PDB file of N, CA and C in Angstrom:
ATOM      1  N   MET A   1     109.502   4.284 200.048  1.00  0.00           N
ATOM      2  CA  MET A   1     110.762   3.727 200.797  1.00  0.00           C
ATOM      3  C   MET A   1     111.291   2.803 200.085  1.00  0.00           C
ATOM      4  N   LYS A   2     112.512   2.661 199.989  1.00  0.00           N
ATOM      5  CA  LYS A   2     113.174   1.950 199.627  1.00  0.00           C
ATOM      6  C   LYS A   2     113.782   0.620 200.462  1.00  0.00           C
ATOM      7  N   TYR A   3     113.699  -0.804 200.234  1.00  0.00           N
ATOM      8  CA  TYR A   3     113.860  -2.066 200.921  1.00  0.00           C
ATOM      9  C   TYR A   3     114.666  -2.729 200.267  1.00  0.00           C
ATOM     10  N   LEU A   4     115.529  -3.709 200.983  1.00  0.00           N
ATOM     11  CA  LEU A   4     116.282  -4.452 200.541  1.00  0.00           C
ATOM     12  C   LEU A   4     115.806  -5.753 201.077  1.00  0.00           C
ATOM     13  N   MET A   5     115.629  -6.485 200.479  1.00  0.00           N
ATOM     14  CA  MET A   5     114.562  -7.723 200.378  1.00  0.00           C
ATOM     15  C   MET A   5     115.699  -8.873 199.970  1.00  0.00           C
ATOM     16  N   PHE A   6     116.152  -9.728 201.167  1.00  0.00           N
ATOM     17  CA  PHE A   6     116.994 -10.894 201.093  1.00  0.00           C
ATOM     18  C   PHE A   6     116.235 -11.966 200.907  1.00  0.00           C
ATOM     19  N   ILE A   7     116.675 -12.724 200.411  1.00  0.00           N
ATOM     20  CA  ILE A   7     115.602 -14.075 199.944  1.00  0.00           C
ATOM     21  C   ILE A   7     116.710 -15.147 200.448  1.00  0.00           C
ATOM     22  N   CYS A   8     116.525 -15.726 201.603  1.00  0.00           N
ATOM     23  CA  CYS A   8     117.101 -16.708 202.194  1.00  0.00           C
ATOM     24  C   CYS A   8     116.555 -18.098 201.976  1.00  0.00           C
ATOM     25  N   GLY A   9     117.234 -18.968 202.445  1.00  0.00           N
ATOM     26  CA  GLY A   9     117.130 -20.519 202.223  1.00  0.00           C
ATOM     27  C   GLY A   9     117.966 -21.347 202.574  1.00  0.00           C
ATOM     28  N   ASP A  10     117.428 -22.483 202.555  1.00  0.00           N
ATOM     29  CA  ASP A  10     118.634 -23.809 202.970  1.00  0.00           C
ATOM     30  C   ASP A  10     119.123 -23.946 200.999  1.00  0.00           C
ATOM     31  N   GLU A  11     120.617 -23.899 200.871  1.00  0.00           N
ATOM     32  CA  GLU A  11     120.875 -24.160 199.724  1.00  0.00           C
ATOM     33  C   GLU A  11     120.987 -25.593 199.399  1.00  0.00           C
ATOM     34  N   ASN A  12     120.789 -26.219 200.337  1.00  0.00           N
ATOM     35  CA  ASN A  12     121.293 -27.981 200.088  1.00  0.00           C
ATOM     36  C   ASN A  12     119.976 -28.409 200.387  1.00  0.00           C
ATOM     37  N   LEU A  13     118.563 -27.807 200.212  1.00  0.00           N
ATOM     38  CA  LEU A  13     117.497 -28.437 200.168  1.00  0.00           C
ATOM     39  C   LEU A  13     117.274 -29.242 198.827  1.00  0.00           C
ATOM     40  N   ALA A  14     116.627 -30.433 199.326  1.00  0.00           N
ATOM     41  CA  ALA A  14     116.643 -31.162 197.863  1.00  0.00           C
ATOM     42  C   ALA A  14     115.556 -30.899 197.339  1.00  0.00           C
ATOM     43  N   LEU A  15     115.220 -30.536 196.448  1.00  0.00           N
ATOM     44  CA  LEU A  15     114.050 -30.190 195.406  1.00  0.00           C
ATOM     45  C   LEU A  15     114.020 -31.285 194.076  1.00  0.00           C
ATOM     46  N   SER A  16     113.002 -31.939 194.125  1.00  0.00           N
ATOM     47  CA  SER A  16     112.987 -32.517 192.595  1.00  0.00           C
ATOM     48  C   SER A  16     113.228 -31.592 191.177  1.00  0.00           C
ATOM     49  N   PRO A  17     113.458 -32.008 190.400  1.00  0.00           N
ATOM     50  CA  PRO A  17     113.721 -31.499 189.106  1.00  0.00           C
ATOM     51  C   PRO A  17     112.379 -30.661 188.876  1.00  0.00           C
ATOM     52  N   GLU A  18     111.283 -31.175 188.811  1.00  0.00           N
ATOM     53  CA  GLU A  18     109.710 -30.482 188.656  1.00  0.00           C
ATOM     54  C   GLU A  18     109.602 -29.471 190.085  1.00  0.00           C
ATOM     55  N   GLU A  19     110.093 -29.810 191.268  1.00  0.00           N
ATOM     56  CA  GLU A  19     110.149 -28.544 191.830  1.00  0.00           C
ATOM     57  C   GLU A  19     110.745 -27.278 191.625  1.00  0.00           C
ATOM     58  N   THR A  20     112.013 -27.781 191.152  1.00  0.00           N
ATOM     59  CA  THR A  20     112.795 -26.811 191.050  1.00  0.00           C
ATOM     60  C   THR A  20     112.172 -25.806 189.743  1.00  0.00           C
ATOM     61  N   ALA A  21     111.858 -26.953 188.776  1.00  0.00           N
ATOM     62  CA  ALA A  21     111.309 -25.736 187.559  1.00  0.00           C
ATOM     63  C   ALA A  21     110.053 -25.186 188.321  1.00  0.00           C
ATOM     64  N   ALA A  22     109.409 -25.555 188.978  1.00  0.00           N
ATOM     65  CA  ALA A  22     108.201 -24.916 189.519  1.00  0.00           C
ATOM     66  C   ALA A  22     108.687 -23.435 190.325  1.00  0.00           C
ATOM     67  N   ILE A  23     109.470 -24.032 191.164  1.00  0.00           N
ATOM     68  CA  ILE A  23     109.904 -22.525 191.719  1.00  0.00           C
ATOM     69  C   ILE A  23     110.614 -21.430 190.864  1.00  0.00           C
ATOM     70  N   ASN A  24     111.235 -21.739 189.835  1.00  0.00           N
ATOM     71  CA  ASN A  24     112.008 -20.741 188.690  1.00  0.00           C
ATOM     72  C   ASN A  24     111.042 -20.539 188.000  1.00  0.00           C
ATOM     73  N   THR A  25     109.857 -20.805 187.783  1.00  0.00           N
ATOM     74  CA  THR A  25     109.107 -20.480 186.623  1.00  0.00           C
ATOM     75  C   THR A  25     108.167 -19.428 187.338  1.00  0.00           C
ATOM     76  N   ALA A  26     107.962 -19.803 188.928  1.00  0.00           N
ATOM     77  CA  ALA A  26     106.968 -19.092 189.839  1.00  0.00           C
ATOM     78  C   ALA A  26     107.854 -17.812 189.990  1.00  0.00           C
ATOM     79  N   THR A  27     109.100 -17.587 190.134  1.00  0.00           N
ATOM     80  CA  THR A  27     109.779 -16.751 190.502  1.00  0.00           C
ATOM     81  C   THR A  27     109.913 -15.474 189.625  1.00  0.00           C
ATOM     82  N   ASP A  28     110.314 -16.016 188.426  1.00  0.00           N
ATOM     83  CA  ASP A  28     110.199 -15.518 187.233  1.00  0.00           C
ATOM     84  C   ASP A  28     108.846 -14.722 186.926  1.00  0.00           C
ATOM     85  N   ALA A  29     107.756 -15.138 187.199  1.00  0.00           N
ATOM     86  CA  ALA A  29     106.102 -14.462 187.134  1.00  0.00           C
ATOM     87  C   ALA A  29     106.703 -13.411 188.234  1.00  0.00           C
ATOM     88  N   TRP A  30     107.001 -13.592 189.488  1.00  0.00           N
ATOM     89  CA  TRP A  30     106.926 -12.644 190.497  1.00  0.00           C
ATOM     90  C   TRP A  30     108.006 -11.600 190.046  1.00  0.00           C
ATOM     91  N   VAL A  31     108.941 -11.788 189.374  1.00  0.00           N
ATOM     92  CA  VAL A  31     110.156 -10.815 188.957  1.00  0.00           C
ATOM     93  C   VAL A  31     109.617  -9.873 187.947  1.00  0.00           C
ATOM     94  N   ARG A  32     108.832 -10.576 186.985  1.00  0.00           N
ATOM     95  CA  ARG A  32     107.796  -9.578 186.104  1.00  0.00           C
ATOM     96  C   ARG A  32     106.865  -8.817 186.539  1.00  0.00           C
ATOM     97  N   GLU A  33     106.005  -9.553 187.415  1.00  0.00           N
ATOM     98  CA  GLU A  33     104.932  -9.144 187.920  1.00  0.00           C
ATOM     99  C   GLU A  33     105.275  -7.585 189.122  1.00  0.00           C
ATOM    100  N   ALA A  34     106.574  -7.900 189.988  1.00  0.00           N
ATOM    101  CA  ALA A  34     107.128  -6.755 190.759  1.00  0.00           C
ATOM    102  C   ALA A  34     107.663  -5.585 189.830  1.00  0.00           C
ATOM    103  N   THR A  35     108.471  -5.932 189.085  1.00  0.00           N
ATOM    104  CA  THR A  35     108.808  -4.757 187.983  1.00  0.00           C
ATOM    105  C   THR A  35     107.782  -4.194 187.069  1.00  0.00           C
ATOM    106  N   ALA A  36     107.075  -4.779 186.637  1.00  0.00           N
ATOM    107  CA  ALA A  36     106.019  -4.320 186.041  1.00  0.00           C
ATOM    108  C   ALA A  36     105.162  -3.355 186.975  1.00  0.00           C
ATOM    109  N   ARG A  37     104.907  -3.834 188.277  1.00  0.00           N
ATOM    110  CA  ARG A  37     104.178  -2.335 188.940  1.00  0.00           C
ATOM    111  C   ARG A  37     105.269  -1.569 189.716  1.00  0.00           C
ATOM    112  N   GLY A  38     106.395  -1.612 189.033  1.00  0.00           N
ATOM    113  CA  GLY A  38     107.413  -0.347 189.539  1.00  0.00           C
ATOM    114  C   GLY A  38     107.792  -0.419 190.823  1.00  0.00           C
ATOM    115  N   VAL A  39     107.495  -1.570 191.607  1.00  0.00           N
ATOM    116  CA  VAL A  39     108.296  -1.547 192.699  1.00  0.00           C
ATOM    117  C   VAL A  39     109.715  -2.417 193.116  1.00  0.00           C
ATOM    118  N   ARG A  40     109.697  -3.028 191.979  1.00  0.00           N
ATOM    119  CA  ARG A  40     110.950  -3.927 191.911  1.00  0.00           C
ATOM    120  C   ARG A  40     112.350  -3.229 191.070  1.00  0.00           C
ATOM    121  N   LEU A  41     113.004  -2.407 191.873  1.00  0.00           N
ATOM    122  CA  LEU A  41     114.195  -1.693 191.167  1.00  0.00           C
ATOM    123  C   LEU A  41     115.252  -2.404 190.655  1.00  0.00           C
ATOM    124  N   ASP A  42     115.812  -3.513 191.353  1.00  0.00           N
ATOM    125  CA  ASP A  42     116.708  -4.364 190.855  1.00  0.00           C
ATOM    126  C   ASP A  42     116.990  -5.719 191.677  1.00  0.00           C
ATOM    127  N   GLY A  43     117.402  -6.540 191.322  1.00  0.00           N
ATOM    128  CA  GLY A  43     117.819  -7.639 191.970  1.00  0.00           C
ATOM    129  C   GLY A  43     118.612  -8.788 191.325  1.00  0.00           C
ATOM    130  N   ASN A  44     119.243  -9.777 192.109  1.00  0.00           N
ATOM    131  CA  ASN A  44     119.863 -11.187 191.158  1.00  0.00           C
ATOM    132  C   ASN A  44     120.020 -12.248 192.341  1.00  0.00           C
ATOM    133  N   ARG A  45     120.208 -13.255 191.766  1.00  0.00           N
ATOM    134  CA  ARG A  45     120.391 -14.328 192.706  1.00  0.00           C
ATOM    135  C   ARG A  45     121.904 -14.374 192.945  1.00  0.00           C
ATOM    136  N   LEU A  46     122.356 -15.072 194.025  1.00  0.00           N
ATOM    137  CA  LEU A  46     124.059 -14.998 194.613  1.00  0.00           C
ATOM    138  C   LEU A  46     124.175 -16.432 194.301  1.00  0.00           C
ATOM    139  N   ALA A  47     125.871 -16.126 194.094  1.00  0.00           N
ATOM    140  CA  ALA A  47     126.319 -17.803 193.933  1.00  0.00           C
ATOM    141  C   ALA A  47     126.432 -18.617 195.425  1.00  0.00           C
ATOM    142  N   ARG A  48     126.523 -19.658 195.505  1.00  0.00           N
ATOM    143  CA  ARG A  48     126.245 -20.176 196.591  1.00  0.00           C
ATOM    144  C   ARG A  48     127.525 -19.891 197.741  1.00  0.00           C
ATOM    145  N   THR A  49     127.335 -20.283 198.852  1.00  0.00           N
ATOM    146  CA  THR A  49     127.905 -19.592 200.038  1.00  0.00           C
ATOM    147  C   THR A  49     129.733 -20.393 200.135  1.00  0.00           C
ATOM    148  N   ASP A  50     129.881 -21.399 199.394  1.00  0.00           N
ATOM    149  CA  ASP A  50     131.075 -21.889 198.935  1.00  0.00           C
ATOM    150  C   ASP A  50     131.840 -20.852 198.291  1.00  0.00           C
ATOM    151  N   ALA A  51     131.200 -19.774 197.371  1.00  0.00           N
ATOM    152  CA  ALA A  51     132.200 -19.111 196.939  1.00  0.00           C
ATOM    153  C   ALA A  51     132.238 -17.534 197.179  1.00  0.00           C
ATOM    154  N   ALA A  52     131.827 -17.700 198.907  1.00  0.00           N
ATOM    155  CA  ALA A  52     131.689 -16.340 199.442  1.00  0.00           C
ATOM    156  C   ALA A  52     132.987 -16.125 200.175  1.00  0.00           C
ATOM    157  N   THR A  53     133.262 -15.053 200.341  1.00  0.00           N
ATOM    158  CA  THR A  53     134.671 -14.485 201.055  1.00  0.00           C
ATOM    159  C   THR A  53     134.188 -13.329 202.059  1.00  0.00           C
ATOM    160  N   THR A  54     134.599 -13.630 203.411  1.00  0.00           N
ATOM    161  CA  THR A  54     134.910 -12.892 204.628  1.00  0.00           C
ATOM    162  C   THR A  54     135.751 -11.631 204.736  1.00  0.00           C
ATOM    163  N   VAL A  55     135.497 -10.553 205.167  1.00  0.00           N
ATOM    164  CA  VAL A  55     136.606  -9.686 204.972  1.00  0.00           C
ATOM    165  C   VAL A  55     136.206  -8.888 206.625  1.00  0.00           C
ATOM    166  N   ARG A  56     137.101  -8.702 207.288  1.00  0.00           N
ATOM    167  CA  ARG A  56     136.925  -8.096 208.676  1.00  0.00           C
ATOM    168  C   ARG A  56     138.852  -7.527 208.354  1.00  0.00           C
ATOM    169  N   ALA A  57     138.146  -5.987 209.274  1.00  0.00           N
ATOM    170  CA  ALA A  57     139.462  -5.419 209.814  1.00  0.00           C
ATOM    171  C   ALA A  57     139.641  -5.287 211.206  1.00  0.00           C
ATOM    172  N   ARG A  58     140.541  -5.740 211.514  1.00  0.00           N
ATOM    173  CA  ARG A  58     140.894  -5.635 213.171  1.00  0.00           C
ATOM    174  C   ARG A  58     142.225  -5.412 213.450  1.00  0.00           C
ATOM    175  N   ASN A  59     142.221  -4.140 214.466  1.00  0.00           N
ATOM    176  CA  ASN A  59     143.538  -3.652 215.017  1.00  0.00           C
ATOM    177  C   ASN A  59     144.584  -3.324 213.667  1.00  0.00           C
ATOM    178  N   GLY A  60     144.000  -3.003 212.402  1.00  0.00           N
ATOM    179  CA  GLY A  60     145.194  -2.810 211.380  1.00  0.00           C
ATOM    180  C   GLY A  60     145.162  -4.060 210.761  1.00  0.00           C
ATOM    181  N   GLU A  61     144.707  -5.319 211.104  1.00  0.00           N
ATOM    182  CA  GLU A  61     145.048  -6.293 210.376  1.00  0.00           C
ATOM    183  C   GLU A  61     143.665  -6.495 209.163  1.00  0.00           C
ATOM    184  N   VAL A  62     143.913  -6.934 208.136  1.00  0.00           N
ATOM    185  CA  VAL A  62     142.565  -7.546 207.282  1.00  0.00           C
ATOM    186  C   VAL A  62     142.562  -8.585 207.546  1.00  0.00           C
ATOM    187  N   LEU A  63     141.607  -9.341 207.815  1.00  0.00           N
ATOM    188  CA  LEU A  63     141.214 -11.041 207.917  1.00  0.00           C
ATOM    189  C   LEU A  63     140.547 -11.450 206.688  1.00  0.00           C
ATOM    190  N   VAL A  64     140.226 -12.286 206.112  1.00  0.00           N
ATOM    191  CA  VAL A  64     139.988 -12.522 204.957  1.00  0.00           C
ATOM    192  C   VAL A  64     139.432 -14.117 204.953  1.00  0.00           C
ATOM    193  N   THR A  65     138.792 -14.741 205.461  1.00  0.00           N
ATOM    194  CA  THR A  65     138.206 -15.892 205.249  1.00  0.00           C
ATOM    195  C   THR A  65     137.338 -16.429 204.075  1.00  0.00           C
ATOM    196  N   ASP A  66     137.696 -17.880 203.572  1.00  0.00           N
ATOM    197  CA  ASP A  66     136.459 -18.375 202.419  1.00  0.00           C
ATOM    198  C   ASP A  66     135.635 -18.770 203.410  1.00  0.00           C
ATOM    199  N   GLY A  67     134.511 -18.414 202.510  1.00  0.00           N
ATOM    200  CA  GLY A  67     133.000 -19.010 203.153  1.00  0.00           C
ATOM    201  C   GLY A  67     132.007 -17.738 203.773  1.00  0.00           C
ATOM    202  N   PRO A  68     130.953 -18.010 204.127  1.00  0.00           N
ATOM    203  CA  PRO A  68     129.861 -16.932 204.735  1.00  0.00           C
ATOM    204  C   PRO A  68     130.311 -16.646 206.193  1.00  0.00           C
ATOM    205  N   PHE A  69     130.089 -15.466 206.844  1.00  0.00           N
ATOM    206  CA  PHE A  69     130.338 -15.476 207.782  1.00  0.00           C
ATOM    207  C   PHE A  69     129.496 -16.066 208.818  1.00  0.00           C
ATOM    208  N   ALA A  70     128.378 -16.292 208.648  1.00  0.00           N
ATOM    209  CA  ALA A  70     127.470 -16.893 209.993  1.00  0.00           C
ATOM    210  C   ALA A  70     126.903 -18.571 208.957  1.00  0.00           C
ATOM    211  N   GLU A  71     127.589 -19.490 210.248  1.00  0.00           N
ATOM    212  CA  GLU A  71     127.020 -20.576 209.972  1.00  0.00           C
ATOM    213  C   GLU A  71     125.957 -21.024 210.668  1.00  0.00           C
ATOM    214  N   THR A  72     125.030 -20.786 209.539  1.00  0.00           N
ATOM    215  CA  THR A  72     123.358 -21.219 209.647  1.00  0.00           C
ATOM    216  C   THR A  72     122.891 -21.688 208.918  1.00  0.00           C
ATOM    217  N   ARG A  73     121.857 -22.548 209.008  1.00  0.00           N
ATOM    218  CA  ARG A  73     120.984 -23.249 207.799  1.00  0.00           C
ATOM    219  C   ARG A  73     120.814 -22.758 206.547  1.00  0.00           C
ATOM    220  N   GLU A  74     120.116 -21.553 206.997  1.00  0.00           N
ATOM    221  CA  GLU A  74     119.741 -20.442 205.807  1.00  0.00           C
ATOM    222  C   GLU A  74     120.548 -19.497 205.392  1.00  0.00           C
ATOM    223  N   GLN A  75     120.959 -19.244 203.940  1.00  0.00           N
ATOM    224  CA  GLN A  75     121.932 -18.370 203.540  1.00  0.00           C
ATOM    225  C   GLN A  75     121.162 -16.949 202.506  1.00  0.00           C
ATOM    226  N   VAL A  76     122.004 -16.289 202.509  1.00  0.00           N
ATOM    227  CA  VAL A  76     121.029 -15.502 201.467  1.00  0.00           C
ATOM    228  C   VAL A  76     121.540 -15.750 200.354  1.00  0.00           C
ATOM    229  N   GLY A  77     120.583 -16.288 199.390  1.00  0.00           N
ATOM    230  CA  GLY A  77     120.682 -16.731 198.111  1.00  0.00           C
ATOM    231  C   GLY A  77     120.303 -15.543 197.077  1.00  0.00           C
ATOM    232  N   GLY A  78     119.732 -14.476 197.135  1.00  0.00           N
ATOM    233  CA  GLY A  78     119.465 -13.650 196.490  1.00  0.00           C
ATOM    234  C   GLY A  78     118.787 -12.068 196.921  1.00  0.00           C
ATOM    235  N   TYR A  79     118.730 -11.270 196.467  1.00  0.00           N
ATOM    236  CA  TYR A  79     117.993  -9.686 197.157  1.00  0.00           C
ATOM    237  C   TYR A  79     117.331  -9.221 195.926  1.00  0.00           C
ATOM    238  N   ASP A  80     116.555  -8.353 196.083  1.00  0.00           N
ATOM    239  CA  ASP A  80     115.760  -7.277 195.252  1.00  0.00           C
ATOM    240  C   ASP A  80     115.504  -6.341 196.243  1.00  0.00           C
ATOM    241  N   VAL A  81     115.911  -4.958 195.500  1.00  0.00           N
ATOM    242  CA  VAL A  81     115.547  -3.956 195.835  1.00  0.00           C
ATOM    243  C   VAL A  81     114.278  -3.310 195.604  1.00  0.00           C
ATOM    244  N   LEU A  82     113.329  -2.895 196.612  1.00  0.00           N
ATOM    245  CA  LEU A  82     112.294  -2.528 196.238  1.00  0.00           C
ATOM    246  C   LEU A  82     111.515  -0.936 196.493  1.00  0.00           C
ATOM    247  N   GLU A  83     111.013  -0.249 195.967  1.00  0.00           N
ATOM    248  CA  GLU A  83     110.645   0.852 196.256  1.00  0.00           C
ATOM    249  C   GLU A  83     109.188   0.787 196.565  1.00  0.00           C
ATOM    250  N   CYS A  84     108.712   0.635 197.588  1.00  0.00           N
ATOM    251  CA  CYS A  84     107.289   0.833 198.225  1.00  0.00           C
ATOM    252  C   CYS A  84     106.719   1.947 199.284  1.00  0.00           C
ATOM    253  N   ALA A  85     105.293   2.185 198.559  1.00  0.00           N
ATOM    254  CA  ALA A  85     104.585   3.373 199.317  1.00  0.00           C
ATOM    255  C   ALA A  85     104.935   2.986 200.883  1.00  0.00           C
ATOM    256  N   ASP A  86     104.926   1.950 201.464  1.00  0.00           N
ATOM    257  CA  ASP A  86     105.167   1.800 203.131  1.00  0.00           C
ATOM    258  C   ASP A  86     105.171   0.113 203.269  1.00  0.00           C
ATOM    259  N   LEU A  87     105.741   0.058 204.460  1.00  0.00           N
ATOM    260  CA  LEU A  87     106.144  -1.348 204.823  1.00  0.00           C
ATOM    261  C   LEU A  87     105.010  -2.241 204.413  1.00  0.00           C
ATOM    262  N   ASP A  88     103.878  -1.827 204.719  1.00  0.00           N
ATOM    263  CA  ASP A  88     102.591  -2.598 204.058  1.00  0.00           C
ATOM    264  C   ASP A  88     102.777  -3.344 202.976  1.00  0.00           C
ATOM    265  N   GLU A  89     102.977  -2.466 202.091  1.00  0.00           N
ATOM    266  CA  GLU A  89     103.013  -2.595 200.621  1.00  0.00           C
ATOM    267  C   GLU A  89     104.675  -3.532 200.339  1.00  0.00           C
ATOM    268  N   ALA A  90     105.305  -3.355 201.064  1.00  0.00           N
ATOM    269  CA  ALA A  90     106.671  -4.356 200.792  1.00  0.00           C
ATOM    270  C   ALA A  90     106.298  -5.555 201.527  1.00  0.00           C
ATOM    271  N   LEU A  91     105.743  -5.743 202.316  1.00  0.00           N
ATOM    272  CA  LEU A  91     105.160  -6.944 203.179  1.00  0.00           C
ATOM    273  C   LEU A  91     104.370  -7.674 202.147  1.00  0.00           C
ATOM    274  N   GLU A  92     103.591  -7.149 201.198  1.00  0.00           N
ATOM    275  CA  GLU A  92     102.596  -8.078 200.472  1.00  0.00           C
ATOM    276  C   GLU A  92     103.572  -7.922 199.191  1.00  0.00           C
ATOM    277  N   ILE A  93     104.582  -7.644 198.979  1.00  0.00           N
ATOM    278  CA  ILE A  93     105.164  -8.249 197.688  1.00  0.00           C
ATOM    279  C   ILE A  93     106.354  -9.380 198.178  1.00  0.00           C
ATOM    280  N   ALA A  94     106.680  -8.965 199.434  1.00  0.00           N
ATOM    281  CA  ALA A  94     107.578 -10.259 199.782  1.00  0.00           C
ATOM    282  C   ALA A  94     106.846 -11.573 200.239  1.00  0.00           C
ATOM    283  N   ALA A  95     105.717 -11.400 200.561  1.00  0.00           N
ATOM    284  CA  ALA A  95     104.793 -12.612 200.893  1.00  0.00           C
ATOM    285  C   ALA A  95     104.757 -13.303 199.503  1.00  0.00           C
ATOM    286  N   ALA A  96     104.655 -12.387 198.405  1.00  0.00           N
ATOM    287  CA  ALA A  96     103.866 -13.120 197.174  1.00  0.00           C
ATOM    288  C   ALA A  96     105.479 -13.803 196.575  1.00  0.00           C
ATOM    289  N   HIS A  97     106.226 -13.479 197.107  1.00  0.00           N
ATOM    290  CA  HIS A  97     107.699 -14.077 196.595  1.00  0.00           C
ATOM    291  C   HIS A  97     107.741 -16.039 196.747  1.00  0.00           C
ATOM    292  N   PRO A  98     107.926 -16.603 195.403  1.00  0.00           N
ATOM    293  CA  PRO A  98     107.771 -17.980 195.660  1.00  0.00           C
ATOM    294  C   PRO A  98     108.614 -18.906 196.839  1.00  0.00           C
ATOM    295  N   VAL A  99     109.804 -18.138 197.176  1.00  0.00           N
ATOM    296  CA  VAL A  99     110.803 -18.504 197.984  1.00  0.00           C
ATOM    297  C   VAL A  99     109.956 -18.308 199.660  1.00  0.00           C
ATOM    298  N   ALA A 100     109.411 -17.476 199.664  1.00  0.00           N
ATOM    299  CA  ALA A 100     108.684 -17.070 201.263  1.00  0.00           C
ATOM    300  C   ALA A 100     107.982 -18.886 201.661  1.00  0.00           C
ATOM    301  N   LYS A 101     107.750 -19.416 200.496  1.00  0.00           N
ATOM    302  CA  LYS A 101     107.007 -20.605 200.979  1.00  0.00           C
ATOM    303  C   LYS A 101     107.851 -21.610 201.451  1.00  0.00           C
ATOM    304  N   ILE A 102     109.160 -21.632 200.995  1.00  0.00           N
ATOM    305  CA  ILE A 102     110.380 -22.774 201.478  1.00  0.00           C
ATOM    306  C   ILE A 102     111.249 -22.142 202.061  1.00  0.00           C
ATOM    307  N   GLY A 103     111.735 -20.929 202.239  1.00  0.00           N
ATOM    308  CA  GLY A 103     112.482 -20.148 202.943  1.00  0.00           C
ATOM    309  C   GLY A 103     112.309 -18.991 203.704  1.00  0.00           C
ATOM    310  N   THR A 104     113.257 -18.166 203.745  1.00  0.00           N
ATOM    311  CA  THR A 104     112.658 -16.961 204.768  1.00  0.00           C
ATOM    312  C   THR A 104     113.033 -15.595 203.650  1.00  0.00           C
ATOM    313  N   ILE A 105     112.001 -14.575 204.125  1.00  0.00           N
ATOM    314  CA  ILE A 105     112.483 -13.637 203.281  1.00  0.00           C
ATOM    315  C   ILE A 105     112.467 -12.271 204.091  1.00  0.00           C
ATOM    316  N   GLU A 106     113.964 -11.663 203.998  1.00  0.00           N
ATOM    317  CA  GLU A 106     113.884 -10.611 205.199  1.00  0.00           C
ATOM    318  C   GLU A 106     113.907  -9.066 204.674  1.00  0.00           C
ATOM    319  N   LEU A 107     112.766  -8.398 204.903  1.00  0.00           N
ATOM    320  CA  LEU A 107     113.231  -7.036 204.603  1.00  0.00           C
ATOM    321  C   LEU A 107     113.677  -5.985 205.491  1.00  0.00           C
ATOM    322  N   ARG A 108     114.358  -5.207 204.810  1.00  0.00           N
ATOM    323  CA  ARG A 108     115.370  -3.867 205.530  1.00  0.00           C
ATOM    324  C   ARG A 108     115.161  -2.686 205.076  1.00  0.00           C
ATOM    325  N   PRO A 109     114.511  -1.923 205.479  1.00  0.00           N
ATOM    326  CA  PRO A 109     114.494  -0.167 205.003  1.00  0.00           C
ATOM    327  C   PRO A 109     116.071   0.093 204.665  1.00  0.00           C
ATOM    328  N   PHE A 110     116.196   1.116 203.943  1.00  0.00           N
ATOM    329  CA  PHE A 110     117.556   1.744 203.407  1.00  0.00           C
ATOM    330  C   PHE A 110     117.803   2.508 204.682  1.00  0.00           C
ATOM    331  N   TRP A 111     118.906   2.847 204.777  1.00  0.00           N
ATOM    332  CA  TRP A 111     119.491   3.754 206.201  1.00  0.00           C
ATOM    333  C   TRP A 111     118.642   5.090 206.191  1.00  0.00           C
ATOM    334  N   GLY A 112     118.168   5.698 206.835  1.00  0.00           N
ATOM    335  CA  GLY A 112     118.058   6.732 206.708  1.00  0.00           C
ATOM    336  C   GLY A 112     116.532   7.340 206.229  1.00  0.00           C
ATOM    337  N   GLN A 113     115.481   6.318 205.969  1.00  0.00           N
ATOM    338  CA  GLN A 113     114.437   6.625 205.638  1.00  0.00           C
ATOM    339  C   GLN A 113     113.168   6.583 206.517  1.00  0.00           C
TER     340      GLN A 113
END
């Protein structure tokens, strides 16, 4: 089954340079391991929410707004596409992601699976 894994966190979370380096190193290791296992198909970090543009089409009119759709403390900061045997394996992979310790990981199966 394929899953989209959203990596969510508070983009204004103040981490020390040492904490930032540690999470980046741990994330790089997670990426290498998940890719080597064959469960991570793709993924990337996203730009900050101030670079986001929201598009809506309502009553024949296109509405474009700067910024994210939702005003929440945690925002999507990256994604990974996983191909796992089942939800249990996807949960194992997601729980091992370093951001799971300071943010939130959301898993969603692709439509129709």
